[in-house]
């Protein structure tokens, strides 16, 4: 059973007005999670039986069971049949003191193309297809988006705000949208967010570029997943950073490599909820170890949560930012995947000390995001339409993933093996036959099909041969036609 003080802490979470938007089970789960993170509940300590805790809190046993189930899913507790629930051994760590920030010099750029400018140009940038062909990855379905609803909300905004929506906007973002984003990621991603810490941007790519240029000097080292999202690698390399690849396994980035690295680095870049492109989820003990590393070494954790809305097996784990008490994590999100790419709205949840510098730097890039789109999106979120749309598309995408898996196994079994993901908008496939990755990608392109090669996402391009197949934006009929064309293209190459 809890000590009296621990029980009172949980009751306080239930009573606080700031937590009123959270369901009861989420408040209980987060209260217990905080007791574990603070060390008030040590590793191996037993938790009260669900029936006993429900009686003490005046809630149903199902509510407590739901809280325990989420804690177990996130790795905070272990559930032993016949014995009860216990704090997981992996949660035992000693949070270091928050170090004082280091001063960084701002370096002047040379005339014409600087070294950084040359690096940006050589990278080729990040270009998305204007009219995506199957199976371009990372593209959501836009043809079924509720445009009539969006237009109605936009008209409401124009009626209330009038020509004010046509003027310059707040560089940090409109307050209604920042508040809606903070409420959403607190509820759905377990973040520690307030509206004054949200910076509204045009995209997650802009957020990565801001981080690369504002937090680091040329030559600074940054740990980066290997394989990694190509847009992140190019943003960091264009800023003349030294990207240090860190291998992955089924539990995500191998944090022990970072701990053992003698030279260290200024930051680590992560896609912990759904690693791009492998789909791995970063284990809890590794998340906690990286938080400790960042605090001890005055480093930064750049957390890109690019598509966590679309999780098809269980619930996604809480974000790293919500677990970090030291304010060393920068959380990046986007509406490009969850709504539509043309919206051009992303955001960063920043430590308080970075809000003003990042906002000022943003004014030098593009000034602000369009106020009309921001206010419409805020209303879309406040009215519950965003959550409803995500739930609808999650079901659609899960069904399309199932169709694609069946098509690949039926028609491409001699060439590739699918790696079925638990979430996201694309599926990795590993080549198993005599077809090379380059030949496969080129054959697909000639057939009007877009594939992203896996080896290009690895440092040095030496990863396992294969490709990504996006499925979210394509109907079952479209995928059927495309997979059959792909199979024919592959056979032509192999037989030539």
Protein backbone atom coordinates (compact mmCIF):
# COMPACT_ATOMS: atom_id res chain seq x y z
CA UNK A 1 0.00 0.00 0.00
CA UNK A 2 1.15 3.60 -0.63
CA UNK A 3 2.46 5.70 2.20
CA UNK A 4 0.07 8.44 3.29
CA UNK A 5 2.16 11.14 1.53
CA UNK A 6 2.23 9.15 -1.72
CA UNK A 7 -1.52 8.61 -1.67
CA UNK A 8 -2.04 12.33 -1.04
CA UNK A 9 0.17 13.12 -4.04
CA UNK A 10 -2.04 10.99 -6.29
CA UNK A 11 -5.18 12.61 -4.84
CA UNK A 12 -3.68 16.05 -5.49
CA UNK A 13 -3.21 15.15 -9.17
CA UNK A 14 -6.86 14.19 -9.37
CA UNK A 15 -7.96 17.46 -7.79
CA UNK A 16 -5.73 19.95 -9.61
CA UNK A 17 -7.69 22.13 -12.09
CA UNK A 18 -4.73 22.07 -14.49
CA UNK A 19 -5.28 18.32 -14.97
CA UNK A 20 -9.04 18.53 -15.37
CA UNK A 21 -8.88 17.88 -19.14
CA UNK A 22 -7.19 14.51 -18.59
CA UNK A 23 -9.24 11.34 -18.09
CA UNK A 24 -9.17 9.93 -14.56
CA UNK A 25 -6.98 6.97 -15.49
CA UNK A 26 -4.43 9.29 -17.16
CA UNK A 27 -4.22 11.48 -14.05
CA UNK A 28 -3.61 8.44 -11.85
CA UNK A 29 -1.06 7.04 -14.31
CA UNK A 30 0.89 10.30 -14.51
CA UNK A 31 0.82 10.83 -10.76
CA UNK A 32 2.34 7.38 -10.18
CA UNK A 33 4.79 7.91 -13.02
CA UNK A 34 5.98 11.13 -11.36
CA UNK A 35 6.40 9.36 -8.02
CA UNK A 36 8.63 6.82 -9.79
CA UNK A 37 10.66 9.46 -11.65
CA UNK A 38 11.13 11.48 -8.46
CA UNK A 39 12.43 8.40 -6.65
CA UNK A 40 9.54 8.37 -4.16
CA UNK A 41 8.71 4.88 -5.45
CA UNK A 42 11.97 2.98 -5.80
CA UNK A 43 12.76 0.09 -8.14
CA UNK A 44 11.11 -3.14 -7.06
CA UNK A 45 8.60 -1.45 -4.73
CA UNK A 46 5.09 -2.94 -4.81
CA UNK A 47 2.09 -0.90 -5.90
CA UNK A 48 -1.27 -1.17 -4.15
CA UNK A 49 -3.71 -3.70 -5.52
CA UNK A 50 -6.02 -2.06 -8.04
CA UNK A 51 -9.09 -2.72 -5.91
CA UNK A 52 -7.47 -1.20 -2.80
CA UNK A 53 -6.22 1.89 -4.63
CA UNK A 54 -9.59 2.37 -6.33
CA UNK A 55 -11.25 2.35 -2.89
CA UNK A 56 -8.76 4.86 -1.49
CA UNK A 57 -9.25 7.22 -4.43
CA UNK A 58 -12.99 6.77 -4.80
CA UNK A 59 -12.78 5.61 -8.41
CA UNK A 60 -13.67 2.38 -10.20
CA UNK A 61 -11.27 -0.53 -10.28
CA UNK A 62 -11.34 -0.40 -14.12
CA UNK A 63 -9.94 3.15 -13.94
CA UNK A 64 -6.98 2.04 -11.84
CA UNK A 65 -6.46 -1.01 -14.07
CA UNK A 66 -6.29 1.29 -17.11
CA UNK A 67 -3.65 3.45 -15.36
CA UNK A 68 -1.61 0.38 -14.42
CA UNK A 69 -1.89 -1.00 -17.97
CA UNK A 70 -0.40 2.19 -19.45
CA UNK A 71 2.40 2.26 -16.86
CA UNK A 72 3.18 -1.34 -17.76
CA UNK A 73 3.10 -0.58 -21.51
CA UNK A 74 5.60 2.25 -21.00
CA UNK A 75 7.91 0.06 -18.93
CA UNK A 76 7.49 1.83 -15.59
CA UNK A 77 6.01 -1.16 -13.78
CA UNK A 78 6.06 -4.94 -13.98
CA UNK A 79 2.92 -7.03 -13.48
CA UNK A 80 3.45 -10.49 -12.01
CA UNK A 81 0.62 -12.99 -12.05
CA UNK A 82 -0.35 -13.87 -8.51
CA UNK A 83 2.04 -11.32 -6.97
CA UNK A 84 0.82 -7.91 -8.09
CA UNK A 85 2.44 -4.83 -9.66
CA UNK A 86 5.96 -3.60 -8.93
CA UNK A 87 8.12 -0.64 -10.00
CA UNK A 88 10.35 -1.78 -12.84
CA UNK A 89 14.05 -2.24 -12.10
CA UNK A 90 15.01 -0.19 -15.15
CA UNK A 91 13.54 2.99 -13.68
CA UNK A 92 16.18 3.26 -10.98
CA UNK A 93 18.33 6.25 -11.82
CA UNK A 94 19.62 9.33 -10.10
CA UNK A 95 18.60 12.52 -11.90
CA UNK A 96 21.64 14.83 -12.07
CA UNK A 97 21.49 18.49 -11.27
CA UNK A 98 20.60 20.77 -14.09
CA UNK A 99 23.88 22.24 -15.38
CA UNK A 100 24.26 25.90 -16.19
CA UNK A 101 23.97 26.64 -19.92
CA UNK A 102 27.15 27.26 -21.87
CA UNK A 103 27.75 30.45 -23.82
CA UNK A 104 28.00 29.93 -27.56
CA UNK A 105 29.54 32.36 -30.03
CA UNK A 106 27.67 33.49 -33.11
CA UNK A 107 29.98 33.28 -36.10
CA UNK A 108 29.82 35.60 -39.09
CA UNK A 109 29.28 34.17 -42.52
CA UNK A 110 31.57 35.00 -45.42
CA UNK A 111 30.30 36.85 -48.53
CA UNK A 112 28.75 34.89 -51.39
CA UNK A 113 28.24 31.21 -50.59
CA UNK A 114 29.66 30.33 -47.21
CA UNK A 115 30.87 26.83 -46.42
CA UNK A 116 27.47 26.26 -44.85
CA UNK A 117 25.75 27.61 -47.94
CA UNK A 118 27.79 25.32 -50.15
CA UNK A 119 26.88 22.39 -47.90
CA UNK A 120 23.19 23.28 -48.14
CA UNK A 121 23.40 23.45 -51.92
CA UNK A 122 25.33 20.18 -52.23
CA UNK A 123 22.82 18.37 -50.02
CA UNK A 124 20.16 18.73 -52.68
CA UNK A 125 17.67 19.91 -50.08
CA UNK A 126 14.49 18.05 -49.18
CA UNK A 127 12.04 17.94 -52.06
CA UNK A 128 8.62 16.39 -51.73
CA UNK A 129 6.62 15.23 -54.77
CA UNK A 130 4.00 17.74 -55.92
CA UNK A 131 1.73 14.94 -57.13
CA UNK A 132 2.86 11.83 -55.24
CA UNK A 133 3.12 8.54 -57.09
CA UNK A 134 2.75 5.19 -55.37
CA UNK A 135 4.58 4.44 -53.10
CA UNK A 136 6.04 7.80 -52.05
CA UNK A 137 6.54 7.60 -48.26
CA UNK A 138 5.25 10.01 -45.65
CA UNK A 139 2.28 11.26 -47.68
CA UNK A 140 -1.18 11.30 -46.02
CA UNK A 141 -4.54 10.85 -47.71
CA UNK A 142 -5.87 14.30 -48.64
CA UNK A 143 -8.75 13.46 -50.99
CA UNK A 144 -11.10 12.65 -48.10
CA UNK A 145 -10.13 15.61 -45.93
CA UNK A 146 -13.28 17.43 -44.63
CA UNK A 147 -12.83 20.55 -46.75
CA UNK A 148 -16.39 21.80 -46.23
CA UNK A 149 -15.87 21.78 -42.47
CA UNK A 150 -12.50 23.53 -42.83
CA UNK A 151 -14.04 26.19 -45.08
CA UNK A 152 -16.87 26.77 -42.60
CA UNK A 153 -14.43 27.26 -39.74
CA UNK A 154 -12.33 29.57 -41.89
CA UNK A 155 -15.40 31.69 -42.65
CA UNK A 156 -16.15 31.88 -38.92
CA UNK A 157 -12.62 33.14 -38.28
CA UNK A 158 -12.90 35.77 -41.01
CA UNK A 159 -16.28 36.90 -39.69
CA UNK A 160 -14.90 37.38 -36.18
CA UNK A 161 -11.39 38.64 -36.95
CA UNK A 162 -12.06 40.36 -40.26
CA UNK A 163 -9.12 41.98 -42.02
CA UNK A 164 -7.02 41.45 -38.91
CA UNK A 165 -6.35 37.95 -40.24
CA UNK A 166 -4.65 39.54 -43.24
CA UNK A 167 -2.00 41.37 -41.21
CA UNK A 168 1.35 40.26 -39.84
CA UNK A 169 1.09 37.58 -37.19
CA UNK A 170 2.85 36.89 -33.92
CA UNK A 171 6.26 35.32 -34.79
CA UNK A 172 5.73 32.77 -32.01
CA UNK A 173 2.30 31.83 -33.34
CA UNK A 174 -1.25 32.82 -32.50
CA UNK A 175 -2.14 32.25 -28.86
CA UNK A 176 -5.24 30.10 -29.59
CA UNK A 177 -3.22 27.65 -31.68
CA UNK A 178 -0.33 27.50 -29.21
CA UNK A 179 -2.82 26.76 -26.44
CA UNK A 180 -4.56 24.07 -28.53
CA UNK A 181 -1.22 22.42 -29.37
CA UNK A 182 -0.12 22.45 -25.72
CA UNK A 183 -3.41 20.89 -24.60
CA UNK A 184 -3.19 18.24 -27.30
CA UNK A 185 0.38 17.06 -26.67
CA UNK A 186 -0.17 17.11 -22.91
CA UNK A 187 -3.18 14.84 -23.29
CA UNK A 188 -2.05 12.58 -26.13
CA UNK A 189 1.73 12.54 -25.82
CA UNK A 190 2.31 13.00 -22.07
CA UNK A 191 4.25 16.24 -22.62
CA UNK A 192 5.02 19.04 -20.17
CA UNK A 193 3.69 21.87 -22.31
CA UNK A 194 2.27 25.35 -21.86
CA UNK A 195 1.20 27.74 -24.61
CA UNK A 196 4.05 30.14 -23.86
CA UNK A 197 6.62 27.42 -24.69
CA UNK A 198 5.19 26.50 -28.10
CA UNK A 199 6.74 28.03 -31.23
CA UNK A 200 4.54 27.64 -34.32
CA UNK A 201 6.59 27.09 -37.50
CA UNK A 202 5.98 26.11 -41.10
CA UNK A 203 7.29 22.57 -40.70
CA UNK A 204 9.37 20.16 -38.66
CA UNK A 205 12.14 20.76 -41.20
CA UNK A 206 12.22 24.43 -40.23
CA UNK A 207 12.44 23.39 -36.58
CA UNK A 208 15.42 21.14 -37.34
CA UNK A 209 17.15 23.93 -39.24
CA UNK A 210 16.58 26.36 -36.36
CA UNK A 211 18.07 23.88 -33.91
CA UNK A 212 21.07 23.23 -36.14
CA UNK A 213 21.88 26.91 -36.61
CA UNK A 214 20.93 28.33 -33.21
CA UNK A 215 22.32 25.73 -30.81
CA UNK A 216 25.54 24.59 -32.48
CA UNK A 217 28.67 25.94 -34.09
CA UNK A 218 30.23 24.41 -37.23
CA UNK A 219 32.21 21.34 -36.28
CA UNK A 220 30.11 20.52 -33.21
CA UNK A 221 29.24 16.84 -32.94
CA UNK A 222 25.69 15.50 -32.81
CA UNK A 223 24.65 11.88 -32.29
CA UNK A 224 22.13 10.77 -34.88
CA UNK A 225 20.24 7.53 -35.41
CA UNK A 226 21.61 5.22 -38.09
CA UNK A 227 19.58 4.83 -40.23
CA UNK A 228 17.98 8.27 -39.87
CA UNK A 229 15.45 10.61 -41.44
CA UNK A 230 17.22 12.15 -44.42
CA UNK A 231 15.81 15.65 -43.75
CA UNK A 232 17.41 15.73 -40.30
CA UNK A 233 20.78 14.49 -41.50
CA UNK A 234 20.84 17.06 -44.31
CA UNK A 235 19.84 19.91 -41.98
CA UNK A 236 22.66 19.06 -39.58
CA UNK A 237 25.25 18.45 -42.29
CA UNK A 238 24.27 21.70 -44.01
CA UNK A 239 25.00 23.48 -40.72
CA UNK A 240 28.49 21.90 -40.84
CA UNK A 241 27.85 19.68 -37.85
CA UNK A 242 29.71 16.42 -37.38
CA UNK A 243 26.96 13.78 -37.46
CA UNK A 244 28.01 10.75 -35.42
CA UNK A 245 25.91 7.68 -36.37
CA UNK A 246 24.55 5.49 -33.56
CA UNK A 247 23.31 2.00 -34.37
CA UNK A 248 19.82 0.70 -33.66
CA UNK A 249 18.32 -2.57 -32.52
CA UNK A 250 14.74 -3.66 -31.86
CA UNK A 251 14.59 -1.34 -28.82
CA UNK A 252 15.67 1.71 -30.79
CA UNK A 253 18.85 3.73 -30.57
CA UNK A 254 21.62 1.93 -28.66
CA UNK A 255 22.16 4.53 -25.95
CA UNK A 256 25.11 2.66 -24.44
CA UNK A 257 27.20 3.71 -27.45
CA UNK A 258 26.59 7.34 -26.53
CA UNK A 259 27.53 6.74 -22.89
CA UNK A 260 30.76 5.03 -23.96
CA UNK A 261 31.78 7.64 -26.54
CA UNK A 262 34.86 9.43 -25.09
CA UNK A 263 34.60 12.54 -27.26
CA UNK A 264 30.93 13.17 -26.49
CA UNK A 265 28.67 15.47 -28.50
CA UNK A 266 26.47 18.52 -28.12
CA UNK A 267 23.16 16.76 -28.83
CA UNK A 268 21.35 13.63 -29.91
CA UNK A 269 18.62 13.45 -32.55
CA UNK A 270 15.82 10.93 -31.95
CA UNK A 271 12.58 9.66 -33.46
CA UNK A 272 11.76 7.64 -30.31
CA UNK A 273 8.04 6.92 -30.70
CA UNK A 274 8.34 5.44 -34.19
CA UNK A 275 11.89 5.41 -35.50
CA UNK A 276 12.32 6.44 -39.11
CA UNK A 277 12.66 4.21 -41.09
CA UNK A 278 12.80 1.03 -38.96
CA UNK A 279 9.65 1.66 -36.89
CA UNK A 280 11.38 0.72 -33.60
CA UNK A 281 10.18 2.27 -30.32
CA UNK A 282 12.91 3.54 -27.99
CA UNK A 283 12.89 1.55 -24.73
CA UNK A 284 12.17 3.35 -21.45
CA UNK A 285 15.56 2.64 -19.85
CA UNK A 286 17.30 4.15 -22.88
CA UNK A 287 15.08 7.23 -22.76
CA UNK A 288 15.95 7.77 -19.12
CA UNK A 289 19.65 7.18 -19.79
CA UNK A 290 19.65 9.80 -22.57
CA UNK A 291 17.87 12.31 -20.33
CA UNK A 292 20.56 11.78 -17.71
CA UNK A 293 23.30 12.08 -20.35
CA UNK A 294 21.89 15.38 -21.68
CA UNK A 295 21.65 16.91 -18.21
CA UNK A 296 25.12 15.78 -17.17
CA UNK A 297 26.86 16.95 -20.37
CA UNK A 298 24.80 20.11 -21.03
CA UNK A 299 23.59 18.49 -24.22
CA UNK A 300 20.30 18.66 -26.06
CA UNK A 301 17.81 15.98 -27.04
CA UNK A 302 16.05 16.83 -30.30
CA UNK A 303 12.90 14.70 -30.36
CA UNK A 304 11.10 14.48 -33.71
CA UNK A 305 7.59 13.07 -33.10
CA UNK A 306 6.66 13.16 -36.77
CA UNK A 307 3.78 10.66 -37.03
CA UNK A 308 2.89 9.40 -33.54
CA UNK A 309 -0.84 9.94 -34.25
CA UNK A 310 -0.86 6.83 -36.42
CA UNK A 311 -0.14 3.88 -34.16
CA UNK A 312 -1.88 0.63 -35.06
CA UNK A 313 -0.93 -1.74 -32.21
CA UNK A 314 -1.68 -0.51 -28.69
CA UNK A 315 -1.01 3.01 -27.47
CA UNK A 316 2.14 5.00 -28.29
CA UNK A 317 4.52 5.57 -25.41
CA UNK A 318 4.87 8.97 -23.75
CA UNK A 319 7.26 11.42 -25.39
CA UNK A 320 10.79 11.91 -24.04
CA UNK A 321 10.06 15.59 -23.34
CA UNK A 322 7.42 14.63 -20.78
CA UNK A 323 9.95 12.53 -18.89
CA UNK A 324 12.71 15.17 -18.86
CA UNK A 325 12.78 17.26 -15.65
CA UNK A 326 15.92 19.14 -16.73
CA UNK A 327 14.52 21.08 -19.73
CA UNK A 328 17.10 19.66 -22.14
CA UNK A 329 14.59 18.24 -24.68
CA UNK A 330 13.25 20.04 -27.74
CA UNK A 331 10.06 18.37 -28.96
CA UNK A 332 9.13 18.79 -32.64
CA UNK A 333 5.75 18.02 -34.18
CA UNK A 334 3.96 18.67 -37.45
CA UNK A 335 0.47 18.70 -38.97
CA UNK A 336 1.87 17.76 -42.39
CA UNK A 337 1.28 14.05 -41.77
CA UNK A 338 -1.85 14.22 -39.61
CA UNK A 339 -3.78 16.72 -41.78
CA UNK A 340 -2.35 17.82 -45.14
CA UNK A 341 1.08 18.97 -46.43
CA UNK A 342 -0.24 22.22 -47.90
CA UNK A 343 -1.17 23.50 -44.44
CA UNK A 344 2.51 24.24 -43.72
CA UNK A 345 2.20 24.29 -39.94
CA UNK A 346 4.58 22.54 -37.57
CA UNK A 347 5.76 23.45 -34.11
CA UNK A 348 8.47 23.09 -31.49
CA UNK A 349 7.94 22.75 -27.75
CA UNK A 350 10.94 24.53 -26.27
CA UNK A 351 12.66 24.82 -22.91
CA UNK A 352 11.79 28.27 -21.49
CA UNK A 353 15.31 29.63 -22.04
CA UNK A 354 15.10 28.94 -25.79
CA UNK A 355 11.70 30.46 -26.55
CA UNK A 356 12.85 34.05 -27.09
CA UNK A 357 16.08 33.25 -29.00
CA UNK A 358 14.31 30.81 -31.31
CA UNK A 359 11.42 33.20 -31.92
CA UNK A 360 13.80 36.03 -32.81
CA UNK A 361 15.74 33.72 -35.14
CA UNK A 362 12.50 32.66 -36.78
CA UNK A 363 11.76 36.29 -37.73
CA UNK A 364 14.90 36.21 -39.86
CA UNK A 365 13.67 33.20 -41.80
CA UNK A 366 10.04 33.84 -42.70
CA UNK A 367 8.62 36.18 -40.06
CA UNK A 368 5.53 34.20 -39.08
CA UNK A 369 3.04 31.58 -40.23
CA UNK A 370 -0.21 32.69 -41.88
CA UNK A 371 -2.62 33.84 -39.11
CA UNK A 372 -5.77 32.70 -40.98
CA UNK A 373 -4.55 29.10 -41.27
CA UNK A 374 -3.41 29.11 -37.63
CA UNK A 375 -6.73 30.40 -36.30
CA UNK A 376 -8.68 27.94 -38.45
CA UNK A 377 -6.53 25.05 -37.23
CA UNK A 378 -6.99 26.18 -33.62
CA UNK A 379 -10.76 26.09 -34.07
CA UNK A 380 -10.50 22.72 -35.81
CA UNK A 381 -8.65 21.35 -32.78
CA UNK A 382 -10.79 23.04 -30.12
CA UNK A 383 -13.97 21.65 -31.68
CA UNK A 384 -12.70 18.07 -31.47
CA UNK A 385 -12.48 17.76 -35.26
CA UNK A 386 -8.74 17.11 -35.28
CA UNK A 387 -9.08 14.13 -32.93
CA UNK A 388 -12.01 12.77 -34.93
CA UNK A 389 -10.09 13.11 -38.21
CA UNK A 390 -7.02 11.38 -36.79
CA UNK A 391 -9.14 8.49 -35.47
CA UNK A 392 -10.81 8.09 -38.87
CA UNK A 393 -7.54 8.15 -40.78
CA UNK A 394 -5.89 5.80 -38.30
CA UNK A 395 -8.53 3.20 -39.17
CA UNK A 396 -8.19 3.87 -42.91
CA UNK A 397 -4.39 3.65 -42.82
CA UNK A 398 -4.40 0.45 -40.76
CA UNK A 399 -6.66 -1.17 -43.36
CA UNK A 400 -4.46 0.04 -46.22
CA UNK A 401 -1.34 -1.29 -44.50
CA UNK A 402 -2.98 -4.69 -44.23
CA UNK A 403 -3.84 -4.59 -47.94
CA UNK A 404 -0.29 -3.62 -48.91
CA UNK A 405 1.23 -6.41 -46.82
CA UNK A 406 -1.01 -8.92 -48.59
CA UNK A 407 -0.16 -7.55 -52.03
CA UNK A 408 3.59 -7.58 -51.40
CA UNK A 409 3.49 -11.15 -50.12
CA UNK A 410 1.35 -12.25 -53.04
CA UNK A 411 3.25 -10.55 -55.89
CA UNK A 412 6.74 -9.61 -54.65
CA UNK A 413 7.60 -12.61 -52.46
CA UNK A 414 10.56 -13.59 -54.64
CA UNK A 415 12.06 -10.13 -54.40
CA UNK A 416 11.38 -8.61 -50.96
CA UNK A 417 10.27 -9.38 -47.44
CA UNK A 418 7.96 -6.82 -45.75
CA UNK A 419 8.76 -5.53 -42.27
CA UNK A 420 5.25 -4.77 -41.03
CA UNK A 421 5.33 -1.61 -38.85
CA UNK A 422 3.17 -0.91 -35.80
CA UNK A 423 2.51 2.62 -36.99
CA UNK A 424 3.40 5.34 -39.46
CA UNK A 425 2.65 5.96 -43.11
CA UNK A 426 5.19 3.67 -44.78
CA UNK A 427 6.41 0.07 -44.65
CA UNK A 428 10.05 -1.05 -44.96
CA UNK A 429 10.79 -3.92 -47.31
CA UNK A 430 14.10 -5.80 -47.37
CA UNK A 431 15.39 -7.22 -50.65
CA UNK A 432 15.83 -11.00 -50.54
CA UNK A 433 16.63 -11.95 -54.14
CA UNK A 434 19.33 -11.05 -56.67
CA UNK A 435 17.88 -7.63 -57.40
CA UNK A 436 20.03 -4.72 -56.18
CA UNK A 437 18.49 -1.75 -54.41
CA UNK A 438 19.57 0.68 -57.12
CA UNK A 439 18.13 -1.53 -59.84
CA UNK A 440 14.86 -1.92 -57.92
CA UNK A 441 14.43 1.81 -57.35
CA UNK A 442 15.28 2.66 -60.96
CA UNK A 443 12.96 -0.02 -62.36
CA UNK A 444 10.16 1.30 -60.18
CA UNK A 445 10.77 4.87 -61.34
CA UNK A 446 10.58 3.83 -64.98
CA UNK A 447 7.25 2.17 -64.18
CA UNK A 448 5.91 5.39 -62.61
CA UNK A 449 6.38 4.18 -59.02
CA UNK A 450 8.31 6.00 -56.29
CA UNK A 451 10.43 3.99 -53.84
CA UNK A 452 12.85 5.36 -51.25
CA UNK A 453 15.95 3.18 -50.90
CA UNK A 454 16.85 2.11 -47.36
CA UNK A 455 20.63 2.12 -47.76
CA UNK A 456 20.64 5.85 -48.50
CA UNK A 457 19.27 6.45 -45.00
CA UNK A 458 22.33 4.85 -43.38
CA UNK A 459 25.57 6.72 -42.74
CA UNK A 460 27.79 6.00 -45.73
CA UNK A 461 24.93 4.28 -47.54
CA UNK A 462 25.99 0.83 -46.35
CA UNK A 463 22.74 -0.33 -44.76
CA UNK A 464 20.64 -3.37 -45.60
CA UNK A 465 19.27 -3.18 -49.14
CA UNK A 466 15.58 -2.47 -49.49
CA UNK A 467 13.08 0.34 -49.78
CA UNK A 468 10.17 2.11 -48.13
CA UNK A 469 6.63 1.82 -49.47
CA UNK A 470 4.20 4.55 -48.48
CA UNK A 471 0.61 3.33 -48.21
CA UNK A 472 -1.46 6.07 -46.55
CA UNK A 473 -2.27 8.14 -49.64
CA UNK A 474 -3.24 5.28 -51.95
CA UNK A 475 -6.47 3.29 -52.16
CA UNK A 476 -6.42 -0.52 -52.21
CA UNK A 477 -7.22 -0.49 -55.94
CA UNK A 478 -4.36 1.93 -56.65
CA UNK A 479 -1.95 -0.18 -54.62
CA UNK A 480 -3.04 -3.35 -56.38
CA UNK A 481 -2.28 -1.86 -59.80
CA UNK A 482 1.03 -0.40 -58.62
CA UNK A 483 2.27 -3.61 -56.96
CA UNK A 484 1.49 -5.65 -60.08
CA UNK A 485 3.38 -3.11 -62.21
CA UNK A 486 6.26 -3.26 -59.74
CA UNK A 487 6.39 -7.04 -59.90
CA UNK A 488 6.52 -6.91 -63.69
CA UNK A 489 9.26 -4.26 -63.60
CA UNK A 490 11.35 -6.37 -61.24
CA UNK A 491 10.92 -9.50 -63.35
CA UNK A 492 12.02 -7.58 -66.43
CA UNK A 493 15.23 -6.46 -64.72
CA UNK A 494 16.05 -9.91 -63.33
CA UNK A 495 15.40 -11.66 -66.67
CA UNK A 496 17.28 -9.13 -68.81
